[in-house]
C-alpha cells in the first residue's frame, strides 16, 4: 500500500547507497532513465545475493517477507477505518 513500504525513488535502503555512490562517480551513466532502471535491478540482485544468507543465519525475514508483514498489519487497520 506504499504507506509503510514506500516504492518511490530512494525507498530501498540497500540499493540507494550503492546507486548514489555510483551516480556521483559516473554521473553520465545515469542520465538515461532506462540505464538507471537497469542498474537498480542489477544492484538489487547483487546485494540480495550477498545479504540473503544473513537473513537465514539470523532467523530474520527477508526484506520482501518483512514488506508483506507490514502490509498485512496496515491492511488490518485500513479495513477497520470508517
PDB file of N, CA and C in Angstrom:
ATOM      1  N   UNK A   1       0.808  -1.200   0.000  1.00  0.00           N
ATOM      2  CA  UNK A   1       0.000   0.000   0.000  1.00  0.00           C
ATOM      3  C   UNK A   1       0.852   1.265   0.000  1.00  0.00           C
ATOM      4  N   UNK A   2       2.137   1.129  -0.062  1.00  0.00           N
ATOM      5  CA  UNK A   2       3.097   2.230  -0.158  1.00  0.00           C
ATOM      6  C   UNK A   2       3.089   3.165   1.049  1.00  0.00           C
ATOM      7  N   UNK A   3       2.397   2.802   2.131  1.00  0.00           N
ATOM      8  CA  UNK A   3       2.418   3.639   3.321  1.00  0.00           C
ATOM      9  C   UNK A   3       3.619   3.269   4.177  1.00  0.00           C
ATOM     10  N   UNK A   4       3.737   1.997   4.518  1.00  0.00           N
ATOM     11  CA  UNK A   4       4.839   1.541   5.346  1.00  0.00           C
ATOM     12  C   UNK A   4       6.012   1.036   4.522  1.00  0.00           C
ATOM     13  N   UNK A   5       5.771   0.705   3.290  1.00  0.00           N
ATOM     14  CA  UNK A   5       6.834   0.230   2.402  1.00  0.00           C
ATOM     15  C   UNK A   5       6.821   1.084   1.147  1.00  0.00           C
ATOM     16  N   UNK A   6       7.428   2.265   1.216  1.00  0.00           N
ATOM     17  CA  UNK A   6       7.381   3.174   0.066  1.00  0.00           C
ATOM     18  C   UNK A   6       8.063   2.584  -1.149  1.00  0.00           C
ATOM     19  N   UNK A   7       7.534   2.905  -2.306  1.00  0.00           N
ATOM     20  CA  UNK A   7       8.109   2.389  -3.546  1.00  0.00           C
ATOM     21  C   UNK A   7       8.702   3.502  -4.393  1.00  0.00           C
ATOM     22  N   UNK A   8       8.745   4.701  -3.846  1.00  0.00           N
ATOM     23  CA  UNK A   8       9.276   5.835  -4.603  1.00  0.00           C
ATOM     24  C   UNK A   8      10.788   5.809  -4.692  1.00  0.00           C
ATOM     25  N   UNK A   9      11.335   6.799  -5.375  1.00  0.00           N
ATOM     26  CA  UNK A   9      12.783   6.905  -5.540  1.00  0.00           C
ATOM     27  C   UNK A   9      13.444   7.014  -4.173  1.00  0.00           C
ATOM     28  N   UNK A  10      14.516   6.270  -3.989  1.00  0.00           N
ATOM     29  CA  UNK A  10      15.260   6.317  -2.738  1.00  0.00           C
ATOM     30  C   UNK A  10      14.663   5.500  -1.619  1.00  0.00           C
ATOM     31  N   UNK A  11      13.679   4.668  -1.922  1.00  0.00           N
ATOM     32  CA  UNK A  11      12.986   3.928  -0.878  1.00  0.00           C
ATOM     33  C   UNK A  11      13.744   2.691  -0.407  1.00  0.00           C
ATOM     34  N   UNK A  12      14.601   2.133  -1.219  1.00  0.00           N
ATOM     35  CA  UNK A  12      15.275   0.889  -0.867  1.00  0.00           C
ATOM     36  C   UNK A  12      16.564   1.173  -0.104  1.00  0.00           C
ATOM     37  N   UNK A  13      16.637   0.801   1.192  1.00  0.00           N
ATOM     38  CA  UNK A  13      17.826   1.108   1.982  1.00  0.00           C
ATOM     39  C   UNK A  13      19.069   0.324   1.570  1.00  0.00           C
ATOM     40  N   UNK A  14      18.901  -0.740   0.811  1.00  0.00           N
ATOM     41  CA  UNK A  14      20.055  -1.495   0.337  1.00  0.00           C
ATOM     42  C   UNK A  14      20.607  -0.906  -0.954  1.00  0.00           C
ATOM     43  N   UNK A  15      19.725  -0.523  -1.844  1.00  0.00           N
ATOM     44  CA  UNK A  15      20.121  -0.101  -3.185  1.00  0.00           C
ATOM     45  C   UNK A  15      20.535   1.364  -3.234  1.00  0.00           C
ATOM     46  N   UNK A  16      19.835   2.228  -2.521  1.00  0.00           N
ATOM     47  CA  UNK A  16      20.068   3.668  -2.616  1.00  0.00           C
ATOM     48  C   UNK A  16      21.520   4.067  -2.356  1.00  0.00           C
ATOM     49  N   UNK A  17      22.179   3.583  -1.293  1.00  0.00           N
ATOM     50  CA  UNK A  17      23.581   3.978  -1.085  1.00  0.00           C
ATOM     51  C   UNK A  17      24.504   3.538  -2.218  1.00  0.00           C
ATOM     52  N   UNK A  18      24.273   2.360  -2.741  1.00  0.00           N
ATOM     53  CA  UNK A  18      25.110   1.861  -3.833  1.00  0.00           C
ATOM     54  C   UNK A  18      24.917   2.697  -5.092  1.00  0.00           C
ATOM     55  N   UNK A  19      23.678   2.951  -5.450  1.00  0.00           N
ATOM     56  CA  UNK A  19      23.387   3.730  -6.652  1.00  0.00           C
ATOM     57  C   UNK A  19      23.867   5.170  -6.488  1.00  0.00           C
ATOM     58  N   UNK A  20      23.692   5.751  -5.306  1.00  0.00           N
ATOM     59  CA  UNK A  20      24.137   7.129  -5.070  1.00  0.00           C
ATOM     60  C   UNK A  20      25.638   7.256  -5.236  1.00  0.00           C
ATOM     61  N   UNK A  21      26.368   6.290  -4.708  1.00  0.00           N
ATOM     62  CA  UNK A  21      27.823   6.299  -4.836  1.00  0.00           C
ATOM     63  C   UNK A  21      28.242   6.169  -6.294  1.00  0.00           C
ATOM     64  N   UNK A  22      27.621   5.247  -7.000  1.00  0.00           N
ATOM     65  CA  UNK A  22      27.951   5.059  -8.419  1.00  0.00           C
ATOM     66  C   UNK A  22      27.563   6.286  -9.237  1.00  0.00           C
ATOM     67  N   UNK A  23      26.448   6.903  -8.894  1.00  0.00           N
ATOM     68  CA  UNK A  23      25.988   8.085  -9.619  1.00  0.00           C
ATOM     69  C   UNK A  23      26.960   9.251  -9.455  1.00  0.00           C
ATOM     70  N   UNK A  24      27.522   9.410  -8.257  1.00  0.00           N
ATOM     71  CA  UNK A  24      28.466  10.512  -8.055  1.00  0.00           C
ATOM     72  C   UNK A  24      29.791  10.248  -8.756  1.00  0.00           C
ATOM     73  N   UNK A  25      30.160   8.983  -8.899  1.00  0.00           N
ATOM     74  CA  UNK A  25      31.429   8.658  -9.560  1.00  0.00           C
ATOM     75  C   UNK A  25      31.286   8.612 -11.082  1.00  0.00           C
ATOM     76  N   UNK A  26      30.152   8.142 -11.580  1.00  0.00           N
ATOM     77  CA  UNK A  26      29.915   8.011 -13.019  1.00  0.00           C
ATOM     78  C   UNK A  26      28.596   8.688 -13.400  1.00  0.00           C
ATOM     79  N   UNK A  27      28.492  10.010 -13.263  1.00  0.00           N
ATOM     80  CA  UNK A  27      27.199  10.676 -13.481  1.00  0.00           C
ATOM     81  C   UNK A  27      26.636  10.518 -14.891  1.00  0.00           C
ATOM     82  N   UNK A  28      27.475  10.413 -15.894  1.00  0.00           N
ATOM     83  CA  UNK A  28      26.962  10.305 -17.268  1.00  0.00           C
ATOM     84  C   UNK A  28      26.269   8.970 -17.529  1.00  0.00           C
ATOM     85  N   UNK A  29      26.611   7.966 -16.762  1.00  0.00           N
ATOM     86  CA  UNK A  29      25.980   6.654 -16.936  1.00  0.00           C
ATOM     87  C   UNK A  29      24.530   6.656 -16.443  1.00  0.00           C
ATOM     88  N   UNK A  30      24.166   7.665 -15.645  1.00  0.00           N
ATOM     89  CA  UNK A  30      22.843   7.683 -15.027  1.00  0.00           C
ATOM     90  C   UNK A  30      21.911   8.715 -15.649  1.00  0.00           C
ATOM     91  N   UNK A  31      22.279   9.265 -16.777  1.00  0.00           N
ATOM     92  CA  UNK A  31      21.426  10.243 -17.449  1.00  0.00           C
ATOM     93  C   UNK A  31      20.212   9.552 -18.059  1.00  0.00           C
ATOM     94  N   UNK A  32      20.428   8.417 -18.673  1.00  0.00           N
ATOM     95  CA  UNK A  32      19.360   7.672 -19.341  1.00  0.00           C
ATOM     96  C   UNK A  32      18.495   6.949 -18.300  1.00  0.00           C
ATOM     97  N   UNK A  33      17.182   7.189 -18.330  1.00  0.00           N
ATOM     98  CA  UNK A  33      16.257   6.561 -17.379  1.00  0.00           C
ATOM     99  C   UNK A  33      16.256   5.038 -17.489  1.00  0.00           C
ATOM    100  N   UNK A  34      16.377   4.524 -18.715  1.00  0.00           N
ATOM    101  CA  UNK A  34      16.400   3.074 -18.912  1.00  0.00           C
ATOM    102  C   UNK A  34      17.641   2.473 -18.255  1.00  0.00           C
ATOM    103  N   UNK A  35      18.785   3.138 -18.402  1.00  0.00           N
ATOM    104  CA  UNK A  35      20.010   2.656 -17.763  1.00  0.00           C
ATOM    105  C   UNK A  35      19.872   2.690 -16.246  1.00  0.00           C
ATOM    106  N   UNK A  36      19.262   3.738 -15.711  1.00  0.00           N
ATOM    107  CA  UNK A  36      19.067   3.830 -14.265  1.00  0.00           C
ATOM    108  C   UNK A  36      18.267   2.639 -13.755  1.00  0.00           C
ATOM    109  N   UNK A  37      17.185   2.335 -14.433  1.00  0.00           N
ATOM    110  CA  UNK A  37      16.343   1.210 -14.024  1.00  0.00           C
ATOM    111  C   UNK A  37      17.107  -0.104 -14.119  1.00  0.00           C
ATOM    112  N   UNK A  38      17.874  -0.255 -15.186  1.00  0.00           N
ATOM    113  CA  UNK A  38      18.657  -1.470 -15.383  1.00  0.00           C
ATOM    114  C   UNK A  38      19.710  -1.627 -14.287  1.00  0.00           C
ATOM    115  N   UNK A  39      20.401  -0.536 -13.952  1.00  0.00           N
ATOM    116  CA  UNK A  39      21.420  -0.583 -12.898  1.00  0.00           C
ATOM    117  C   UNK A  39      20.800  -0.915 -11.544  1.00  0.00           C
ATOM    118  N   UNK A  40      19.628  -0.363 -11.255  1.00  0.00           N
ATOM    119  CA  UNK A  40      18.976  -0.630  -9.974  1.00  0.00           C
ATOM    120  C   UNK A  40      18.591  -2.097  -9.851  1.00  0.00           C
ATOM    121  N   UNK A  41      18.078  -2.667 -10.926  1.00  0.00           N
ATOM    122  CA  UNK A  41      17.717  -4.089 -10.912  1.00  0.00           C
ATOM    123  C   UNK A  41      18.962  -4.947 -10.705  1.00  0.00           C
ATOM    124  N   UNK A  42      20.031  -4.614 -11.420  1.00  0.00           N
ATOM    125  CA  UNK A  42      21.285  -5.357 -11.302  1.00  0.00           C
ATOM    126  C   UNK A  42      21.855  -5.237  -9.887  1.00  0.00           C
ATOM    127  N   UNK A  43      21.856  -4.020  -9.344  1.00  0.00           N
ATOM    128  CA  UNK A  43      22.385  -3.803  -7.995  1.00  0.00           C
ATOM    129  C   UNK A  43      21.567  -4.564  -6.962  1.00  0.00           C
ATOM    130  N   UNK A  44      20.259  -4.587  -7.129  1.00  0.00           N
ATOM    131  CA  UNK A  44      19.413  -5.300  -6.179  1.00  0.00           C
ATOM    132  C   UNK A  44      19.713  -6.793  -6.194  1.00  0.00           C
ATOM    133  N   UNK A  45      19.927  -7.361  -7.369  1.00  0.00           N
ATOM    134  CA  UNK A  45      20.259  -8.788  -7.460  1.00  0.00           C
ATOM    135  C   UNK A  45      21.570  -9.090  -6.742  1.00  0.00           C
ATOM    136  N   UNK A  46      22.579  -8.258  -6.974  1.00  0.00           N
ATOM    137  CA  UNK A  46      23.885  -8.477  -6.346  1.00  0.00           C
ATOM    138  C   UNK A  46      23.783  -8.356  -4.827  1.00  0.00           C
ATOM    139  N   UNK A  47      23.133  -7.307  -4.364  1.00  0.00           N
ATOM    140  CA  UNK A  47      23.035  -7.080  -2.924  1.00  0.00           C
ATOM    141  C   UNK A  47      22.228  -8.178  -2.249  1.00  0.00           C
ATOM    142  N   UNK A  48      21.116  -8.579  -2.840  1.00  0.00           N
ATOM    143  CA  UNK A  48      20.301  -9.624  -2.222  1.00  0.00           C
ATOM    144  C   UNK A  48      21.046 -10.952  -2.173  1.00  0.00           C
ATOM    145  N   UNK A  49      21.890 -11.220  -3.157  1.00  0.00           N
ATOM    146  CA  UNK A  49      22.711 -12.429  -3.130  1.00  0.00           C
ATOM    147  C   UNK A  49      23.662 -12.395  -1.938  1.00  0.00           C
ATOM    148  N   UNK A  50      24.185 -11.210  -1.644  1.00  0.00           N
ATOM    149  CA  UNK A  50      25.128 -11.064  -0.536  1.00  0.00           C
ATOM    150  C   UNK A  50      24.446 -11.111   0.831  1.00  0.00           C
ATOM    151  N   UNK A  51      23.279 -10.476   0.959  1.00  0.00           N
ATOM    152  CA  UNK A  51      22.657 -10.366   2.277  1.00  0.00           C
ATOM    153  C   UNK A  51      21.681 -11.494   2.602  1.00  0.00           C
ATOM    154  N   UNK A  52      21.237 -12.242   1.619  1.00  0.00           N
ATOM    155  CA  UNK A  52      20.277 -13.328   1.864  1.00  0.00           C
ATOM    156  C   UNK A  52      20.766 -14.326   2.917  1.00  0.00           C
ATOM    157  N   UNK A  53      22.033 -14.747   2.886  1.00  0.00           N
ATOM    158  CA  UNK A  53      22.486 -15.673   3.929  1.00  0.00           C
ATOM    159  C   UNK A  53      22.389 -15.087   5.341  1.00  0.00           C
ATOM    160  N   UNK A  54      22.523 -13.779   5.471  1.00  0.00           N
ATOM    161  CA  UNK A  54      22.427 -13.152   6.790  1.00  0.00           C
ATOM    162  C   UNK A  54      21.017 -13.262   7.359  1.00  0.00           C
ATOM    163  N   UNK A  55      20.018 -13.141   6.495  1.00  0.00           N
ATOM    164  CA  UNK A  55      18.641 -13.270   6.970  1.00  0.00           C
ATOM    165  C   UNK A  55      18.394 -14.685   7.474  1.00  0.00           C
ATOM    166  N   UNK A  56      18.894 -15.673   6.751  1.00  0.00           N
ATOM    167  CA  UNK A  56      18.726 -17.065   7.171  1.00  0.00           C
ATOM    168  C   UNK A  56      19.506 -17.341   8.446  1.00  0.00           C
ATOM    169  N   UNK A  57      20.720 -16.833   8.508  1.00  0.00           N
ATOM    170  CA  UNK A  57      21.602 -17.063   9.652  1.00  0.00           C
ATOM    171  C   UNK A  57      21.023 -16.464  10.930  1.00  0.00           C
ATOM    172  N   UNK A  58      20.413 -15.308  10.821  1.00  0.00           N
ATOM    173  CA  UNK A  58      19.870 -14.607  11.992  1.00  0.00           C
ATOM    174  C   UNK A  58      18.385 -14.874  12.202  1.00  0.00           C
ATOM    175  N   UNK A  59      17.818 -15.772  11.419  1.00  0.00           N
ATOM    176  CA  UNK A  59      16.390 -16.113  11.503  1.00  0.00           C
ATOM    177  C   UNK A  59      15.515 -14.872  11.375  1.00  0.00           C
ATOM    178  N   UNK A  60      15.867 -14.021  10.437  1.00  0.00           N
ATOM    179  CA  UNK A  60      15.107 -12.796  10.177  1.00  0.00           C
ATOM    180  C   UNK A  60      14.354 -12.940   8.860  1.00  0.00           C
ATOM    181  N   UNK A  61      13.232 -12.244   8.727  1.00  0.00           N
ATOM    182  CA  UNK A  61      12.539 -12.277   7.430  1.00  0.00           C
ATOM    183  C   UNK A  61      13.328 -11.495   6.386  1.00  0.00           C
ATOM    184  N   UNK A  62      13.216 -11.907   5.147  1.00  0.00           N
ATOM    185  CA  UNK A  62      13.855 -11.165   4.057  1.00  0.00           C
ATOM    186  C   UNK A  62      13.133  -9.825   3.912  1.00  0.00           C
ATOM    187  N   UNK A  63      13.716  -8.868   3.210  1.00  0.00           N
ATOM    188  CA  UNK A  63      13.014  -7.597   3.005  1.00  0.00           C
ATOM    189  C   UNK A  63      11.638  -7.781   2.361  1.00  0.00           C
ATOM    190  N   UNK A  64      11.519  -8.722   1.433  1.00  0.00           N
ATOM    191  CA  UNK A  64      10.228  -8.968   0.794  1.00  0.00           C
ATOM    192  C   UNK A  64       9.216  -9.521   1.801  1.00  0.00           C
ATOM    193  N   UNK A  65       9.666 -10.446   2.658  1.00  0.00           N
ATOM    194  CA  UNK A  65       8.780 -11.004   3.672  1.00  0.00           C
ATOM    195  C   UNK A  65       8.379  -9.935   4.688  1.00  0.00           C
ATOM    196  N   UNK A  66       9.339  -9.088   5.060  1.00  0.00           N
ATOM    197  CA  UNK A  66       9.065  -8.013   6.003  1.00  0.00           C
ATOM    198  C   UNK A  66       8.047  -7.036   5.423  1.00  0.00           C
ATOM    199  N   UNK A  67       8.176  -6.755   4.139  1.00  0.00           N
ATOM    200  CA  UNK A  67       7.213  -5.879   3.468  1.00  0.00           C
ATOM    201  C   UNK A  67       5.810  -6.472   3.560  1.00  0.00           C
ATOM    202  N   UNK A  68       5.684  -7.766   3.324  1.00  0.00           N
ATOM    203  CA  UNK A  68       4.373  -8.418   3.409  1.00  0.00           C
ATOM    204  C   UNK A  68       3.808  -8.361   4.825  1.00  0.00           C
ATOM    205  N   UNK A  69       4.673  -8.536   5.815  1.00  0.00           N
ATOM    206  CA  UNK A  69       4.236  -8.457   7.212  1.00  0.00           C
ATOM    207  C   UNK A  69       3.667  -7.070   7.502  1.00  0.00           C
ATOM    208  N   UNK A  70       4.404  -6.029   7.088  1.00  0.00           N
ATOM    209  CA  UNK A  70       3.938  -4.659   7.319  1.00  0.00           C
ATOM    210  C   UNK A  70       2.647  -4.363   6.565  1.00  0.00           C
ATOM    211  N   UNK A  71       2.547  -4.859   5.342  1.00  0.00           N
ATOM    212  CA  UNK A  71       1.327  -4.627   4.562  1.00  0.00           C
ATOM    213  C   UNK A  71       0.123  -5.315   5.200  1.00  0.00           C
ATOM    214  N   UNK A  72       0.326  -6.510   5.749  1.00  0.00           N
ATOM    215  CA  UNK A  72      -0.770  -7.206   6.426  1.00  0.00           C
ATOM    216  C   UNK A  72      -1.239  -6.430   7.652  1.00  0.00           C
ATOM    217  N   UNK A  73      -0.279  -5.891   8.406  1.00  0.00           N
ATOM    218  CA  UNK A  73      -0.634  -5.080   9.576  1.00  0.00           C
ATOM    219  C   UNK A  73      -1.402  -3.836   9.128  1.00  0.00           C
ATOM    220  N   UNK A  74      -0.880  -3.157   8.120  1.00  0.00           N
ATOM    221  CA  UNK A  74      -1.530  -1.935   7.627  1.00  0.00           C
ATOM    222  C   UNK A  74      -2.928  -2.234   7.105  1.00  0.00           C
ATOM    223  N   UNK A  75      -3.086  -3.330   6.395  1.00  0.00           N
ATOM    224  CA  UNK A  75      -4.397  -3.675   5.829  1.00  0.00           C
ATOM    225  C   UNK A  75      -5.443  -3.914   6.913  1.00  0.00           C
ATOM    226  N   UNK A  76      -5.027  -4.476   8.054  1.00  0.00           N
ATOM    227  CA  UNK A  76      -5.963  -4.679   9.163  1.00  0.00           C
ATOM    228  C   UNK A  76      -6.508  -3.337   9.650  1.00  0.00           C
ATOM    229  N   UNK A  77      -5.616  -2.353   9.771  1.00  0.00           N
ATOM    230  CA  UNK A  77      -6.047  -1.039  10.245  1.00  0.00           C
ATOM    231  C   UNK A  77      -6.842  -0.287   9.187  1.00  0.00           C
ATOM    232  N   UNK A  78      -6.463  -0.451   7.930  1.00  0.00           N
ATOM    233  CA  UNK A  78      -7.182   0.217   6.844  1.00  0.00           C
ATOM    234  C   UNK A  78      -8.603  -0.323   6.743  1.00  0.00           C
ATOM    235  N   UNK A  79      -8.761  -1.630   6.918  1.00  0.00           N
ATOM    236  CA  UNK A  79     -10.092  -2.244   6.842  1.00  0.00           C
ATOM    237  C   UNK A  79     -10.987  -1.781   7.985  1.00  0.00           C
ATOM    238  N   UNK A  80     -10.387  -1.473   9.134  1.00  0.00           N
ATOM    239  CA  UNK A  80     -11.167  -1.045  10.300  1.00  0.00           C
ATOM    240  C   UNK A  80     -11.422   0.456  10.323  1.00  0.00           C
ATOM    241  N   UNK A  81     -10.938   1.175   9.332  1.00  0.00           N
ATOM    242  CA  UNK A  81     -11.150   2.618   9.264  1.00  0.00           C
ATOM    243  C   UNK A  81     -12.531   2.895   8.677  1.00  0.00           C
ATOM    244  N   UNK A  82     -13.312   3.760   9.345  1.00  0.00           N
ATOM    245  CA  UNK A  82     -14.672   4.029   8.829  1.00  0.00           C
ATOM    246  C   UNK A  82     -14.663   4.795   7.532  1.00  0.00           C
TER     247      UNK A  82
END
